[in-house]
């Protein structure tokens, strides 16, 4: 998608603080972190949100969760939260599937 912020970040058109990259996904530190460690993992293929996960792209999503486990292990992060907002009312500000990975502070429940 040519006007998608996260597609441009994944393509290297917009600078970011890269955490990880492979042929399928890209991870970068959040520009407005909500925890001491807060990075996002996005697919390089445009998918609007979790509501568009299906049989043809679910393998990609499974790969993203494998990457999250790899990154957190490499960083020595033992406790963390993975969040994906779906839709404007839930707080999704960029219509591209992304997973926030937050750690380094107590995560209260219920969340905001």
PDB file of N, CA and C in Angstrom:
ATOM      1  N   UNK A   1       0.850  -1.179   0.000  1.00  0.00           N
ATOM      2  CA  UNK A   1       0.000   0.000   0.000  1.00  0.00           C
ATOM      3  C   UNK A   1       0.895   1.242   0.000  1.00  0.00           C
ATOM      4  N   UNK A   2       0.802   2.053  -0.998  1.00  0.00           N
ATOM      5  CA  UNK A   2       1.758   3.139  -1.199  1.00  0.00           C
ATOM      6  C   UNK A   2       1.689   4.253  -0.167  1.00  0.00           C
ATOM      7  N   UNK A   3       0.557   4.477   0.459  1.00  0.00           N
ATOM      8  CA  UNK A   3       0.449   5.565   1.435  1.00  0.00           C
ATOM      9  C   UNK A   3       0.472   5.082   2.889  1.00  0.00           C
ATOM     10  N   UNK A   4       0.773   3.818   3.117  1.00  0.00           N
ATOM     11  CA  UNK A   4       0.766   3.246   4.466  1.00  0.00           C
ATOM     12  C   UNK A   4       2.089   3.550   5.183  1.00  0.00           C
ATOM     13  N   UNK A   5       1.993   4.173   6.349  1.00  0.00           N
ATOM     14  CA  UNK A   5       3.173   4.529   7.144  1.00  0.00           C
ATOM     15  C   UNK A   5       4.052   3.313   7.433  1.00  0.00           C
ATOM     16  N   UNK A   6       3.451   2.211   7.897  1.00  0.00           N
ATOM     17  CA  UNK A   6       4.247   1.042   8.260  1.00  0.00           C
ATOM     18  C   UNK A   6       4.816   0.331   7.034  1.00  0.00           C
ATOM     19  N   UNK A   7       4.124   0.363   5.912  1.00  0.00           N
ATOM     20  CA  UNK A   7       4.704  -0.196   4.678  1.00  0.00           C
ATOM     21  C   UNK A   7       5.954   0.587   4.297  1.00  0.00           C
ATOM     22  N   UNK A   8       5.896   1.915   4.454  1.00  0.00           N
ATOM     23  CA  UNK A   8       7.054   2.762   4.135  1.00  0.00           C
ATOM     24  C   UNK A   8       8.207   2.512   5.109  1.00  0.00           C
ATOM     25  N   UNK A   9       7.898   2.299   6.388  1.00  0.00           N
ATOM     26  CA  UNK A   9       8.947   1.985   7.363  1.00  0.00           C
ATOM     27  C   UNK A   9       9.595   0.649   7.017  1.00  0.00           C
ATOM     28  N   UNK A  10       8.777  -0.360   6.724  1.00  0.00           N
ATOM     29  CA  UNK A  10       9.313  -1.689   6.385  1.00  0.00           C
ATOM     30  C   UNK A  10      10.162  -1.652   5.119  1.00  0.00           C
ATOM     31  N   UNK A  11       9.823  -0.771   4.196  1.00  0.00           N
ATOM     32  CA  UNK A  11      10.563  -0.654   2.942  1.00  0.00           C
ATOM     33  C   UNK A  11      11.818   0.212   3.077  1.00  0.00           C
ATOM     34  N   UNK A  12      12.006   0.827   4.249  1.00  0.00           N
ATOM     35  CA  UNK A  12      13.164   1.674   4.469  1.00  0.00           C
ATOM     36  C   UNK A  12      13.001   3.089   3.938  1.00  0.00           C
ATOM     37  N   UNK A  13      11.791   3.460   3.539  1.00  0.00           N
ATOM     38  CA  UNK A  13      11.530   4.796   3.014  1.00  0.00           C
ATOM     39  C   UNK A  13      11.419   5.838   4.127  1.00  0.00           C
ATOM     40  N   UNK A  14      11.046   5.384   5.320  1.00  0.00           N
ATOM     41  CA  UNK A  14      10.965   6.244   6.498  1.00  0.00           C
ATOM     42  C   UNK A  14      11.893   5.639   7.540  1.00  0.00           C
ATOM     43  N   UNK A  15      12.779   6.436   8.127  1.00  0.00           N
ATOM     44  CA  UNK A  15      13.716   5.898   9.107  1.00  0.00           C
ATOM     45  C   UNK A  15      13.019   5.394  10.377  1.00  0.00           C
ATOM     46  N   UNK A  16      13.628   4.391  10.982  1.00  0.00           N
ATOM     47  CA  UNK A  16      13.126   3.845  12.248  1.00  0.00           C
ATOM     48  C   UNK A  16      14.310   3.275  13.015  1.00  0.00           C
ATOM     49  N   UNK A  17      14.070   2.995  14.281  1.00  0.00           N
ATOM     50  CA  UNK A  17      15.094   2.389  15.138  1.00  0.00           C
ATOM     51  C   UNK A  17      14.910   0.870  15.073  1.00  0.00           C
ATOM     52  N   UNK A  18      15.542   0.250  14.087  1.00  0.00           N
ATOM     53  CA  UNK A  18      15.327  -1.177  13.807  1.00  0.00           C
ATOM     54  C   UNK A  18      15.807  -2.062  14.945  1.00  0.00           C
ATOM     55  N   UNK A  19      14.972  -3.046  15.264  1.00  0.00           N
ATOM     56  CA  UNK A  19      15.287  -4.074  16.254  1.00  0.00           C
ATOM     57  C   UNK A  19      15.606  -5.395  15.546  1.00  0.00           C
ATOM     58  N   UNK A  20      14.886  -5.680  14.453  1.00  0.00           N
ATOM     59  CA  UNK A  20      15.016  -6.969  13.772  1.00  0.00           C
ATOM     60  C   UNK A  20      14.412  -6.834  12.378  1.00  0.00           C
ATOM     61  N   UNK A  21      14.941  -7.626  11.446  1.00  0.00           N
ATOM     62  CA  UNK A  21      14.359  -7.677  10.111  1.00  0.00           C
ATOM     63  C   UNK A  21      14.678  -9.009   9.475  1.00  0.00           C
ATOM     64  N   UNK A  22      13.695  -9.559   8.771  1.00  0.00           N
ATOM     65  CA  UNK A  22      13.915 -10.711   7.908  1.00  0.00           C
ATOM     66  C   UNK A  22      13.066 -10.495   6.652  1.00  0.00           C
ATOM     67  N   UNK A  23      12.947 -11.509   5.826  1.00  0.00           N
ATOM     68  CA  UNK A  23      12.216 -11.344   4.569  1.00  0.00           C
ATOM     69  C   UNK A  23      10.708 -11.153   4.760  1.00  0.00           C
ATOM     70  N   UNK A  24      10.172 -11.530   5.921  1.00  0.00           N
ATOM     71  CA  UNK A  24       8.728 -11.473   6.155  1.00  0.00           C
ATOM     72  C   UNK A  24       8.256 -10.360   7.076  1.00  0.00           C
ATOM     73  N   UNK A  25       9.115  -9.936   8.006  1.00  0.00           N
ATOM     74  CA  UNK A  25       8.651  -8.956   8.990  1.00  0.00           C
ATOM     75  C   UNK A  25       9.760  -7.996   9.386  1.00  0.00           C
ATOM     76  N   UNK A  26       9.347  -6.959  10.098  1.00  0.00           N
ATOM     77  CA  UNK A  26      10.245  -5.901  10.518  1.00  0.00           C
ATOM     78  C   UNK A  26       9.854  -5.498  11.925  1.00  0.00           C
ATOM     79  N   UNK A  27      10.835  -5.293  12.796  1.00  0.00           N
ATOM     80  CA  UNK A  27      10.579  -4.865  14.174  1.00  0.00           C
ATOM     81  C   UNK A  27      11.374  -3.592  14.443  1.00  0.00           C
ATOM     82  N   UNK A  28      10.745  -2.665  15.153  1.00  0.00           N
ATOM     83  CA  UNK A  28      11.393  -1.389  15.452  1.00  0.00           C
ATOM     84  C   UNK A  28      10.873  -0.832  16.766  1.00  0.00           C
ATOM     85  N   UNK A  29      11.692   0.003  17.404  1.00  0.00           N
ATOM     86  CA  UNK A  29      11.298   0.607  18.671  1.00  0.00           C
ATOM     87  C   UNK A  29      10.197   1.637  18.445  1.00  0.00           C
ATOM     88  N   UNK A  30       9.235   1.662  19.360  1.00  0.00           N
ATOM     89  CA  UNK A  30       8.127   2.609  19.284  1.00  0.00           C
ATOM     90  C   UNK A  30       8.652   4.033  19.496  1.00  0.00           C
ATOM     91  N   UNK A  31       8.123   4.990  18.750  1.00  0.00           N
ATOM     92  CA  UNK A  31       8.582   6.379  18.891  1.00  0.00           C
ATOM     93  C   UNK A  31       8.012   7.064  20.134  1.00  0.00           C
ATOM     94  N   UNK A  32       6.961   6.488  20.705  1.00  0.00           N
ATOM     95  CA  UNK A  32       6.376   7.021  21.943  1.00  0.00           C
ATOM     96  C   UNK A  32       6.198   5.861  22.919  1.00  0.00           C
ATOM     97  N   UNK A  33       7.306   5.328  23.450  1.00  0.00           N
ATOM     98  CA  UNK A  33       7.222   4.101  24.264  1.00  0.00           C
ATOM     99  C   UNK A  33       6.352   4.256  25.503  1.00  0.00           C
ATOM    100  N   UNK A  34       5.589   3.198  25.767  1.00  0.00           N
ATOM    101  CA  UNK A  34       4.707   3.132  26.923  1.00  0.00           C
ATOM    102  C   UNK A  34       5.264   2.241  28.021  1.00  0.00           C
ATOM    103  N   UNK A  35       6.484   1.785  27.841  1.00  0.00           N
ATOM    104  CA  UNK A  35       7.180   0.937  28.814  1.00  0.00           C
ATOM    105  C   UNK A  35       8.677   1.096  28.546  1.00  0.00           C
ATOM    106  N   UNK A  36       9.527   0.709  29.502  1.00  0.00           N
ATOM    107  CA  UNK A  36      10.971   0.816  29.278  1.00  0.00           C
ATOM    108  C   UNK A  36      11.447   0.117  27.997  1.00  0.00           C
ATOM    109  N   UNK A  37      10.845  -1.004  27.661  1.00  0.00           N
ATOM    110  CA  UNK A  37      11.093  -1.657  26.376  1.00  0.00           C
ATOM    111  C   UNK A  37       9.759  -1.727  25.648  1.00  0.00           C
ATOM    112  N   UNK A  38       9.688  -1.123  24.465  1.00  0.00           N
ATOM    113  CA  UNK A  38       8.446  -1.101  23.687  1.00  0.00           C
ATOM    114  C   UNK A  38       8.818  -1.073  22.213  1.00  0.00           C
ATOM    115  N   UNK A  39       8.628  -2.218  21.571  1.00  0.00           N
ATOM    116  CA  UNK A  39       8.887  -2.291  20.133  1.00  0.00           C
ATOM    117  C   UNK A  39       7.678  -2.872  19.431  1.00  0.00           C
ATOM    118  N   UNK A  40       7.615  -2.644  18.128  1.00  0.00           N
ATOM    119  CA  UNK A  40       6.530  -3.150  17.301  1.00  0.00           C
ATOM    120  C   UNK A  40       7.086  -4.156  16.314  1.00  0.00           C
ATOM    121  N   UNK A  41       6.277  -5.149  15.980  1.00  0.00           N
ATOM    122  CA  UNK A  41       6.631  -6.103  14.942  1.00  0.00           C
ATOM    123  C   UNK A  41       5.515  -6.057  13.908  1.00  0.00           C
ATOM    124  N   UNK A  42       5.897  -5.849  12.655  1.00  0.00           N
ATOM    125  CA  UNK A  42       4.931  -5.716  11.569  1.00  0.00           C
ATOM    126  C   UNK A  42       5.277  -6.674  10.435  1.00  0.00           C
ATOM    127  N   UNK A  43       4.255  -7.136   9.713  1.00  0.00           N
ATOM    128  CA  UNK A  43       4.554  -7.905   8.504  1.00  0.00           C
ATOM    129  C   UNK A  43       4.961  -6.946   7.394  1.00  0.00           C
ATOM    130  N   UNK A  44       5.826  -7.377   6.502  1.00  0.00           N
ATOM    131  CA  UNK A  44       6.184  -6.548   5.357  1.00  0.00           C
ATOM    132  C   UNK A  44       5.053  -6.515   4.334  1.00  0.00           C
ATOM    133  N   UNK A  45       4.228  -7.537   4.338  1.00  0.00           N
ATOM    134  CA  UNK A  45       3.036  -7.570   3.501  1.00  0.00           C
ATOM    135  C   UNK A  45       1.941  -6.784   4.202  1.00  0.00           C
ATOM    136  N   UNK A  46       1.237  -5.951   3.472  1.00  0.00           N
ATOM    137  CA  UNK A  46       0.195  -5.145   4.106  1.00  0.00           C
ATOM    138  C   UNK A  46      -1.024  -6.001   4.458  1.00  0.00           C
ATOM    139  N   UNK A  47      -1.384  -5.960   5.721  1.00  0.00           N
ATOM    140  CA  UNK A  47      -2.615  -6.549   6.257  1.00  0.00           C
ATOM    141  C   UNK A  47      -3.162  -5.461   7.165  1.00  0.00           C
ATOM    142  N   UNK A  48      -4.428  -5.111   7.039  1.00  0.00           N
ATOM    143  CA  UNK A  48      -4.982  -3.990   7.812  1.00  0.00           C
ATOM    144  C   UNK A  48      -4.949  -4.198   9.320  1.00  0.00           C
ATOM    145  N   UNK A  49      -5.368  -5.370   9.785  1.00  0.00           N
ATOM    146  CA  UNK A  49      -5.427  -5.618  11.228  1.00  0.00           C
ATOM    147  C   UNK A  49      -5.651  -7.101  11.486  1.00  0.00           C
ATOM    148  N   UNK A  50      -5.735  -7.456  12.757  1.00  0.00           N
ATOM    149  CA  UNK A  50      -6.006  -8.842  13.157  1.00  0.00           C
ATOM    150  C   UNK A  50      -7.291  -9.355  12.510  1.00  0.00           C
ATOM    151  N   UNK A  51      -8.248  -8.458  12.294  1.00  0.00           N
ATOM    152  CA  UNK A  51      -9.533  -8.887  11.711  1.00  0.00           C
ATOM    153  C   UNK A  51      -9.390  -9.410  10.287  1.00  0.00           C
ATOM    154  N   UNK A  52      -8.238  -9.211   9.660  1.00  0.00           N
ATOM    155  CA  UNK A  52      -8.016  -9.700   8.302  1.00  0.00           C
ATOM    156  C   UNK A  52      -7.094 -10.919   8.237  1.00  0.00           C
ATOM    157  N   UNK A  53      -6.801 -11.507   9.394  1.00  0.00           N
ATOM    158  CA  UNK A  53      -5.997 -12.734   9.398  1.00  0.00           C
ATOM    159  C   UNK A  53      -6.878 -13.880   8.923  1.00  0.00           C
ATOM    160  N   UNK A  54      -6.336 -14.679   8.000  1.00  0.00           N
ATOM    161  CA  UNK A  54      -7.106 -15.799   7.448  1.00  0.00           C
ATOM    162  C   UNK A  54      -6.148 -16.936   7.081  1.00  0.00           C
ATOM    163  N   UNK A  55      -6.674 -17.956   6.457  1.00  0.00           N
ATOM    164  CA  UNK A  55      -5.873 -19.124   6.104  1.00  0.00           C
ATOM    165  C   UNK A  55      -4.714 -18.827   5.178  1.00  0.00           C
ATOM    166  N   UNK A  56      -4.823 -17.772   4.387  1.00  0.00           N
ATOM    167  CA  UNK A  56      -3.743 -17.475   3.443  1.00  0.00           C
ATOM    168  C   UNK A  56      -2.612 -16.647   4.057  1.00  0.00           C
ATOM    169  N   UNK A  57      -2.843 -16.030   5.237  1.00  0.00           N
ATOM    170  CA  UNK A  57      -1.774 -15.228   5.842  1.00  0.00           C
ATOM    171  C   UNK A  57      -1.455 -15.599   7.290  1.00  0.00           C
ATOM    172  N   UNK A  58      -2.114 -16.605   7.822  1.00  0.00           N
ATOM    173  CA  UNK A  58      -1.906 -16.967   9.225  1.00  0.00           C
ATOM    174  C   UNK A  58      -0.505 -17.532   9.492  1.00  0.00           C
ATOM    175  N   UNK A  59       0.126 -18.125   8.498  1.00  0.00           N
ATOM    176  CA  UNK A  59       1.496 -18.606   8.674  1.00  0.00           C
ATOM    177  C   UNK A  59       2.439 -17.436   8.919  1.00  0.00           C
ATOM    178  N   UNK A  60       2.196 -16.322   8.258  1.00  0.00           N
ATOM    179  CA  UNK A  60       2.982 -15.109   8.464  1.00  0.00           C
ATOM    180  C   UNK A  60       2.823 -14.600   9.890  1.00  0.00           C
ATOM    181  N   UNK A  61       1.607 -14.635  10.397  1.00  0.00           N
ATOM    182  CA  UNK A  61       1.352 -14.184  11.771  1.00  0.00           C
ATOM    183  C   UNK A  61       2.043 -15.115  12.771  1.00  0.00           C
ATOM    184  N   UNK A  62       2.002 -16.411  12.520  1.00  0.00           N
ATOM    185  CA  UNK A  62       2.722 -17.354  13.390  1.00  0.00           C
ATOM    186  C   UNK A  62       4.215 -17.039  13.373  1.00  0.00           C
ATOM    187  N   UNK A  63       4.749 -16.711  12.216  1.00  0.00           N
ATOM    188  CA  UNK A  63       6.167 -16.342  12.111  1.00  0.00           C
ATOM    189  C   UNK A  63       6.462 -15.109  12.960  1.00  0.00           C
ATOM    190  N   UNK A  64       5.571 -14.132  12.937  1.00  0.00           N
ATOM    191  CA  UNK A  64       5.766 -12.919  13.739  1.00  0.00           C
ATOM    192  C   UNK A  64       5.865 -13.277  15.218  1.00  0.00           C
ATOM    193  N   UNK A  65       5.030 -14.185  15.690  1.00  0.00           N
ATOM    194  CA  UNK A  65       5.099 -14.582  17.100  1.00  0.00           C
ATOM    195  C   UNK A  65       6.383 -15.357  17.405  1.00  0.00           C
ATOM    196  N   UNK A  66       6.898 -16.105  16.451  1.00  0.00           N
ATOM    197  CA  UNK A  66       8.200 -16.751  16.628  1.00  0.00           C
ATOM    198  C   UNK A  66       9.290 -15.686  16.734  1.00  0.00           C
ATOM    199  N   UNK A  67       9.193 -14.632  15.942  1.00  0.00           N
ATOM    200  CA  UNK A  67      10.158 -13.532  15.981  1.00  0.00           C
ATOM    201  C   UNK A  67      10.074 -12.810  17.321  1.00  0.00           C
ATOM    202  N   UNK A  68       8.874 -12.583  17.816  1.00  0.00           N
ATOM    203  CA  UNK A  68       8.714 -11.946  19.129  1.00  0.00           C
ATOM    204  C   UNK A  68       9.424 -12.774  20.198  1.00  0.00           C
ATOM    205  N   UNK A  69       9.242 -14.084  20.166  1.00  0.00           N
ATOM    206  CA  UNK A  69       9.909 -14.960  21.139  1.00  0.00           C
ATOM    207  C   UNK A  69      11.426 -14.886  20.981  1.00  0.00           C
ATOM    208  N   UNK A  70      11.914 -14.819  19.755  1.00  0.00           N
ATOM    209  CA  UNK A  70      13.357 -14.731  19.502  1.00  0.00           C
ATOM    210  C   UNK A  70      13.930 -13.408  20.015  1.00  0.00           C
ATOM    211  N   UNK A  71      13.267 -12.303  19.693  1.00  0.00           N
ATOM    212  CA  UNK A  71      13.762 -10.987  20.113  1.00  0.00           C
ATOM    213  C   UNK A  71      13.776 -10.880  21.634  1.00  0.00           C
ATOM    214  N   UNK A  72      12.684 -11.268  22.278  1.00  0.00           N
ATOM    215  CA  UNK A  72      12.625 -11.149  23.734  1.00  0.00           C
ATOM    216  C   UNK A  72      13.674 -12.036  24.397  1.00  0.00           C
ATOM    217  N   UNK A  73      13.900 -13.221  23.859  1.00  0.00           N
ATOM    218  CA  UNK A  73      14.940 -14.096  24.416  1.00  0.00           C
ATOM    219  C   UNK A  73      16.318 -13.462  24.256  1.00  0.00           C
ATOM    220  N   UNK A  74      16.591 -12.902  23.084  1.00  0.00           N
ATOM    221  CA  UNK A  74      17.885 -12.260  22.847  1.00  0.00           C
ATOM    222  C   UNK A  74      18.098 -11.055  23.759  1.00  0.00           C
ATOM    223  N   UNK A  75      17.022 -10.356  24.094  1.00  0.00           N
ATOM    224  CA  UNK A  75      17.112  -9.192  24.969  1.00  0.00           C
ATOM    225  C   UNK A  75      17.063  -9.578  26.449  1.00  0.00           C
ATOM    226  N   UNK A  76      16.847 -10.863  26.739  1.00  0.00           N
ATOM    227  CA  UNK A  76      16.756 -11.319  28.125  1.00  0.00           C
ATOM    228  C   UNK A  76      15.451 -10.913  28.793  1.00  0.00           C
ATOM    229  N   UNK A  77      14.437 -10.661  27.991  1.00  0.00           N
ATOM    230  CA  UNK A  77      13.126 -10.266  28.511  1.00  0.00           C
ATOM    231  C   UNK A  77      12.337 -11.529  28.849  1.00  0.00           C
ATOM    232  N   UNK A  78      11.980 -11.680  30.116  1.00  0.00           N
ATOM    233  CA  UNK A  78      11.269 -12.887  30.563  1.00  0.00           C
ATOM    234  C   UNK A  78       9.763 -12.661  30.693  1.00  0.00           C
ATOM    235  N   UNK A  79       9.359 -11.409  30.902  1.00  0.00           N
ATOM    236  CA  UNK A  79       7.950 -11.095  31.122  1.00  0.00           C
ATOM    237  C   UNK A  79       7.586  -9.909  30.243  1.00  0.00           C
ATOM    238  N   UNK A  80       6.546 -10.073  29.439  1.00  0.00           N
ATOM    239  CA  UNK A  80       6.171  -9.013  28.512  1.00  0.00           C
ATOM    240  C   UNK A  80       4.712  -9.159  28.099  1.00  0.00           C
ATOM    241  N   UNK A  81       4.200  -8.113  27.486  1.00  0.00           N
ATOM    242  CA  UNK A  81       2.826  -8.106  26.978  1.00  0.00           C
ATOM    243  C   UNK A  81       2.874  -7.848  25.488  1.00  0.00           C
ATOM    244  N   UNK A  82       2.037  -8.582  24.743  1.00  0.00           N
ATOM    245  CA  UNK A  82       1.876  -8.379  23.308  1.00  0.00           C
ATOM    246  C   UNK A  82       0.462  -7.848  23.084  1.00  0.00           C
ATOM    247  N   UNK A  83       0.377  -6.711  22.382  1.00  0.00           N
ATOM    248  CA  UNK A  83      -0.916  -6.047  22.171  1.00  0.00           C
ATOM    249  C   UNK A  83      -1.093  -5.740  20.691  1.00  0.00           C
ATOM    250  N   UNK A  84      -2.312  -5.957  20.209  1.00  0.00           N
ATOM    251  CA  UNK A  84      -2.675  -5.501  18.870  1.00  0.00           C
ATOM    252  C   UNK A  84      -4.040  -4.843  18.968  1.00  0.00           C
ATOM    253  N   UNK A  85      -4.108  -3.582  18.603  1.00  0.00           N
ATOM    254  CA  UNK A  85      -5.369  -2.853  18.609  1.00  0.00           C
ATOM    255  C   UNK A  85      -6.045  -3.026  17.257  1.00  0.00           C
ATOM    256  N   UNK A  86      -7.352  -3.248  17.271  1.00  0.00           N
ATOM    257  CA  UNK A  86      -8.091  -3.469  16.039  1.00  0.00           C
ATOM    258  C   UNK A  86      -9.198  -2.435  15.954  1.00  0.00           C
ATOM    259  N   UNK A  87      -9.043  -1.498  15.054  1.00  0.00           N
ATOM    260  CA  UNK A  87     -10.042  -0.457  14.855  1.00  0.00           C
ATOM    261  C   UNK A  87      -9.760   0.794  15.667  1.00  0.00           C
ATOM    262  N   UNK A  88     -10.344   1.882  15.199  1.00  0.00           N
ATOM    263  CA  UNK A  88     -10.104   3.192  15.787  1.00  0.00           C
ATOM    264  C   UNK A  88     -10.512   3.280  17.258  1.00  0.00           C
ATOM    265  N   UNK A  89     -11.658   2.741  17.622  1.00  0.00           N
ATOM    266  CA  UNK A  89     -12.123   2.814  19.011  1.00  0.00           C
ATOM    267  C   UNK A  89     -11.193   2.063  19.962  1.00  0.00           C
ATOM    268  N   UNK A  90     -10.522   1.048  19.458  1.00  0.00           N
ATOM    269  CA  UNK A  90      -9.575   0.275  20.275  1.00  0.00           C
ATOM    270  C   UNK A  90      -8.201   0.914  20.312  1.00  0.00           C
ATOM    271  N   UNK A  91      -7.992   1.989  19.553  1.00  0.00           N
ATOM    272  CA  UNK A  91      -6.723   2.693  19.585  1.00  0.00           C
ATOM    273  C   UNK A  91      -5.790   2.412  18.418  1.00  0.00           C
ATOM    274  N   UNK A  92      -6.274   1.735  17.382  1.00  0.00           N
ATOM    275  CA  UNK A  92      -5.412   1.482  16.227  1.00  0.00           C
ATOM    276  C   UNK A  92      -5.288   2.776  15.422  1.00  0.00           C
ATOM    277  N   UNK A  93      -4.092   3.341  15.391  1.00  0.00           N
ATOM    278  CA  UNK A  93      -3.886   4.607  14.685  1.00  0.00           C
ATOM    279  C   UNK A  93      -3.259   4.410  13.301  1.00  0.00           C
ATOM    280  N   UNK A  94      -2.640   3.261  13.066  1.00  0.00           N
ATOM    281  CA  UNK A  94      -2.076   2.947  11.754  1.00  0.00           C
ATOM    282  C   UNK A  94      -2.760   1.675  11.248  1.00  0.00           C
ATOM    283  N   UNK A  95      -3.479   1.766  10.133  1.00  0.00           N
ATOM    284  CA  UNK A  95      -4.191   0.590   9.622  1.00  0.00           C
ATOM    285  C   UNK A  95      -3.261  -0.394   8.903  1.00  0.00           C
ATOM    286  N   UNK A  96      -2.358  -0.966   9.669  1.00  0.00           N
ATOM    287  CA  UNK A  96      -1.436  -2.006   9.202  1.00  0.00           C
ATOM    288  C   UNK A  96      -1.227  -2.910  10.414  1.00  0.00           C
ATOM    289  N   UNK A  97      -1.402  -4.203  10.242  1.00  0.00           N
ATOM    290  CA  UNK A  97      -1.242  -5.147  11.343  1.00  0.00           C
ATOM    291  C   UNK A  97       0.084  -4.913  12.053  1.00  0.00           C
ATOM    292  N   UNK A  98       0.013  -4.763  13.364  1.00  0.00           N
ATOM    293  CA  UNK A  98       1.234  -4.613  14.148  1.00  0.00           C
ATOM    294  C   UNK A  98       0.999  -5.099  15.558  1.00  0.00           C
ATOM    295  N   UNK A  99       2.072  -5.594  16.148  1.00  0.00           N
ATOM    296  CA  UNK A  99       2.031  -6.106  17.505  1.00  0.00           C
ATOM    297  C   UNK A  99       2.993  -5.290  18.352  1.00  0.00           C
ATOM    298  N   UNK A 100       2.455  -4.661  19.412  1.00  0.00           N
ATOM    299  CA  UNK A 100       3.281  -3.952  20.379  1.00  0.00           C
ATOM    300  C   UNK A 100       3.822  -4.976  21.360  1.00  0.00           C
ATOM    301  N   UNK A 101       5.099  -4.916  21.664  1.00  0.00           N
ATOM    302  CA  UNK A 101       5.700  -5.776  22.681  1.00  0.00           C
ATOM    303  C   UNK A 101       6.245  -4.834  23.757  1.00  0.00           C
ATOM    304  N   UNK A 102       5.643  -4.934  24.955  1.00  0.00           N
ATOM    305  CA  UNK A 102       5.982  -4.039  26.060  1.00  0.00           C
ATOM    306  C   UNK A 102       6.523  -4.831  27.235  1.00  0.00           C
ATOM    307  N   UNK A 103       7.567  -4.271  27.881  1.00  0.00           N
ATOM    308  CA  UNK A 103       8.126  -4.932  29.058  1.00  0.00           C
ATOM    309  C   UNK A 103       8.911  -3.923  29.888  1.00  0.00           C
ATOM    310  N   UNK A 104       9.326  -4.376  31.065  1.00  0.00           N
ATOM    311  CA  UNK A 104      10.167  -3.552  31.910  1.00  0.00           C
ATOM    312  C   UNK A 104       9.415  -2.784  32.985  1.00  0.00           C
ATOM    313  N   UNK A 105       8.121  -3.025  33.098  1.00  0.00           N
ATOM    314  CA  UNK A 105       7.317  -2.420  34.160  1.00  0.00           C
ATOM    315  C   UNK A 105       6.140  -3.336  34.443  1.00  0.00           C
ATOM    316  N   UNK A 106       5.488  -3.120  35.573  1.00  0.00           N
ATOM    317  CA  UNK A 106       4.285  -3.902  35.881  1.00  0.00           C
ATOM    318  C   UNK A 106       3.193  -3.571  34.876  1.00  0.00           C
ATOM    319  N   UNK A 107       2.543  -4.591  34.382  1.00  0.00           N
ATOM    320  CA  UNK A 107       1.429  -4.425  33.459  1.00  0.00           C
ATOM    321  C   UNK A 107       0.147  -4.685  34.259  1.00  0.00           C
ATOM    322  N   UNK A 108      -0.625  -3.660  34.461  1.00  0.00           N
ATOM    323  CA  UNK A 108      -1.848  -3.815  35.244  1.00  0.00           C
ATOM    324  C   UNK A 108      -2.968  -4.404  34.402  1.00  0.00           C
ATOM    325  N   UNK A 109      -3.979  -4.900  35.099  1.00  0.00           N
ATOM    326  CA  UNK A 109      -5.165  -5.457  34.427  1.00  0.00           C
ATOM    327  C   UNK A 109      -6.397  -4.998  35.183  1.00  0.00           C
ATOM    328  N   UNK A 110      -7.443  -4.570  34.543  1.00  0.00           N
ATOM    329  CA  UNK A 110      -7.558  -4.480  33.095  1.00  0.00           C
ATOM    330  C   UNK A 110      -6.787  -3.292  32.538  1.00  0.00           C
ATOM    331  N   UNK A 111      -6.356  -3.416  31.270  1.00  0.00           N
ATOM    332  CA  UNK A 111      -5.652  -2.304  30.647  1.00  0.00           C
ATOM    333  C   UNK A 111      -6.625  -1.162  30.371  1.00  0.00           C
ATOM    334  N   UNK A 112      -6.096   0.045  30.194  1.00  0.00           N
ATOM    335  CA  UNK A 112      -6.851   1.270  29.947  1.00  0.00           C
ATOM    336  C   UNK A 112      -8.054   1.093  29.186  1.00  0.00           C
TER     337      UNK A 112
END
